[in-house]
Amino acid sequence: MEPRLESGRQGQQLLPVHPGRPRLPDRQRPARREVGCTYAIRGFDFDYLGVLWLRDLLWRDGRWVVNVEHIHESGLSRATSRAGNESSSDGPAHQFLTQKLQEAYRILFTRAIKGVAVYVADSETREHLMEALGDSREAF
């Protein structure tokens, strides 16, 4: 039988399950197999973390800008809908989303003890982060 992926508690983990092999208790599972969002990792620290910075929060013209079409967080759906109806990216719903996304990335970046690997999809945002990190980054 082929291994399959099995959803962990509350859908936070995707772990390979090999038929015929006993499952390890949660505390013995290697951290490199953990998958989660800011809600899943809040309060936990990991040796290393990988962060995918997609196109939800972008750096444009010297400030952070929310890209409403790329926000897929169910907890922000009401604010995302309101921001979609605003005529300006400076409206209250956009400002709220900007704050929430900044908080989410801060949480992700502060959960690693030894290091964070970051993939930034947007080149302008990546360049800003590289400049902001300066000598504190090994490789980006």
Protein backbone atom coordinates (compact mmCIF):
# COMPACT_ATOMS: atom_id res chain seq x y z
CA MET A 1 0.00 0.00 0.00
CA GLU A 2 1.13 3.54 -0.77
CA PRO A 3 1.59 6.10 2.01
CA ARG A 4 -1.17 8.71 2.17
CA LEU A 5 -1.47 12.15 3.72
CA GLU A 6 -3.66 12.38 6.77
CA SER A 7 -4.99 15.55 8.30
CA GLY A 8 -3.92 16.10 11.90
CA ARG A 9 -5.88 17.69 14.70
CA GLN A 10 -7.99 20.59 13.47
CA GLY A 11 -6.41 20.26 10.01
CA GLN A 12 -3.14 21.76 11.24
CA GLN A 13 -0.82 18.96 10.15
CA LEU A 14 -0.36 16.91 7.02
CA LEU A 15 1.61 13.81 7.90
CA PRO A 16 2.56 10.81 5.78
CA VAL A 17 0.83 7.71 7.09
CA HIS A 18 2.39 4.37 6.20
CA PRO A 19 -0.01 1.45 6.48
CA GLY A 20 1.24 -1.15 8.92
CA ARG A 21 3.48 1.27 10.83
CA PRO A 22 2.49 2.55 14.24
CA ARG A 23 1.76 6.26 14.51
CA LEU A 24 4.02 8.33 16.73
CA PRO A 25 2.52 10.36 19.55
CA ASP A 26 2.34 14.09 18.73
CA ARG A 27 5.36 14.99 20.84
CA GLN A 28 7.57 12.56 18.87
CA ARG A 29 6.62 13.73 15.39
CA PRO A 30 9.40 15.60 13.62
CA ALA A 31 8.66 19.35 13.47
CA ARG A 32 9.69 19.52 9.81
CA ARG A 33 6.42 17.80 8.99
CA GLU A 34 4.22 20.38 10.69
CA VAL A 35 2.10 22.69 8.58
CA GLY A 36 0.17 25.55 10.10
CA CYS A 37 -1.01 29.10 10.01
CA THR A 38 -0.55 31.80 12.65
CA TYR A 39 -3.40 30.32 14.70
CA ALA A 40 -1.83 26.86 14.65
CA ILE A 41 1.62 27.97 15.82
CA ARG A 42 0.72 30.70 18.30
CA GLY A 43 2.39 29.90 21.60
CA PHE A 44 4.74 27.29 20.07
CA ASP A 45 8.40 27.71 19.21
CA PHE A 46 10.17 25.72 16.49
CA ASP A 47 13.85 25.32 15.71
CA TYR A 48 13.32 26.33 12.07
CA LEU A 49 10.39 27.75 10.20
CA GLY A 50 9.58 28.22 6.53
CA VAL A 51 7.33 31.15 5.62
CA LEU A 52 5.59 31.67 2.30
CA TRP A 53 4.96 35.38 1.85
CA LEU A 54 2.58 35.39 -1.06
CA ARG A 55 0.73 38.39 -2.51
CA ASP A 56 -1.60 39.39 0.32
CA LEU A 57 0.60 42.13 1.81
CA LEU A 58 2.79 44.10 -0.59
CA TRP A 59 5.30 46.93 -0.30
CA ARG A 60 4.35 49.74 -2.67
CA ASP A 61 5.46 53.39 -2.80
CA GLY A 62 7.07 53.31 0.64
CA ARG A 63 4.21 51.64 2.54
CA TRP A 64 2.41 48.36 3.09
CA VAL A 65 -0.60 47.75 0.84
CA VAL A 66 -3.21 45.01 1.15
CA ASN A 67 -4.03 43.02 -1.97
CA VAL A 68 -7.63 42.02 -1.17
CA GLU A 69 -7.87 39.48 -3.99
CA HIS A 70 -5.13 37.40 -2.35
CA ILE A 71 -6.47 37.23 1.21
CA HIS A 72 -7.95 33.80 1.86
CA GLU A 73 -8.08 33.81 5.66
CA SER A 74 -11.60 32.85 6.72
CA GLY A 75 -11.26 34.85 9.95
CA LEU A 76 -10.83 38.02 7.88
CA SER A 77 -13.62 37.40 5.36
CA ARG A 78 -15.90 40.19 6.65
CA ALA A 79 -13.09 42.77 6.62
CA THR A 80 -11.91 41.52 3.23
CA SER A 81 -15.41 41.97 1.82
CA ARG A 82 -15.63 45.50 3.25
CA ALA A 83 -12.21 46.40 1.86
CA GLY A 84 -13.30 45.13 -1.55
CA ASN A 85 -16.14 47.65 -1.47
CA GLU A 86 -13.96 50.60 -0.46
CA SER A 87 -13.00 53.06 -3.17
CA SER A 88 -9.61 53.78 -1.62
CA SER A 89 -6.83 51.60 -0.28
CA ASP A 90 -6.65 54.05 2.66
CA GLY A 91 -10.12 53.13 3.95
CA PRO A 92 -10.74 51.71 7.42
CA ALA A 93 -11.16 48.09 6.25
CA HIS A 94 -7.88 48.26 4.31
CA GLN A 95 -6.13 49.72 7.35
CA PHE A 96 -7.57 46.98 9.57
CA LEU A 97 -6.43 44.26 7.15
CA THR A 98 -2.96 45.79 6.88
CA GLN A 99 -2.62 45.69 10.66
CA LYS A 100 -3.88 42.09 10.91
CA LEU A 101 -1.58 40.84 8.14
CA GLN A 102 1.42 42.59 9.69
CA GLU A 103 0.58 40.93 13.01
CA ALA A 104 0.29 37.53 11.30
CA TYR A 105 3.71 37.81 9.66
CA ARG A 106 5.23 39.05 12.93
CA ILE A 107 3.89 35.97 14.70
CA LEU A 108 5.31 33.69 12.00
CA PHE A 109 8.74 35.34 12.06
CA THR A 110 9.04 35.20 15.85
CA ARG A 111 8.27 31.49 16.31
CA ALA A 112 11.65 30.20 15.07
CA ILE A 113 14.51 29.69 17.51
CA LYS A 114 17.36 28.91 15.10
CA GLY A 115 16.26 30.29 11.76
CA VAL A 116 13.57 31.22 9.27
CA ALA A 117 13.54 30.48 5.55
CA VAL A 118 11.35 32.94 3.67
CA TYR A 119 9.96 32.79 0.15
CA VAL A 120 8.61 36.15 -1.03
CA ALA A 121 6.58 35.95 -4.24
CA ASP A 122 6.53 39.67 -5.04
CA SER A 123 9.87 41.14 -6.16
CA GLU A 124 9.27 44.68 -4.84
CA THR A 125 8.27 43.33 -1.42
CA ARG A 126 11.28 40.98 -1.44
CA GLU A 127 13.66 43.86 -2.24
CA HIS A 128 12.21 45.96 0.59
CA LEU A 129 12.58 43.12 3.09
CA MET A 130 16.15 42.43 1.98
CA GLU A 131 17.02 46.10 2.42
CA ALA A 132 15.30 46.28 5.81
CA LEU A 133 17.12 43.18 7.07
CA GLY A 134 20.51 44.39 5.84
CA ASP A 135 23.39 42.44 7.36
CA SER A 136 21.12 40.43 9.65
CA ARG A 137 20.18 38.10 6.79
CA GLU A 138 22.38 35.28 5.58
CA ALA A 139 20.60 34.65 2.31
CA PHE A 140 17.28 35.72 0.88
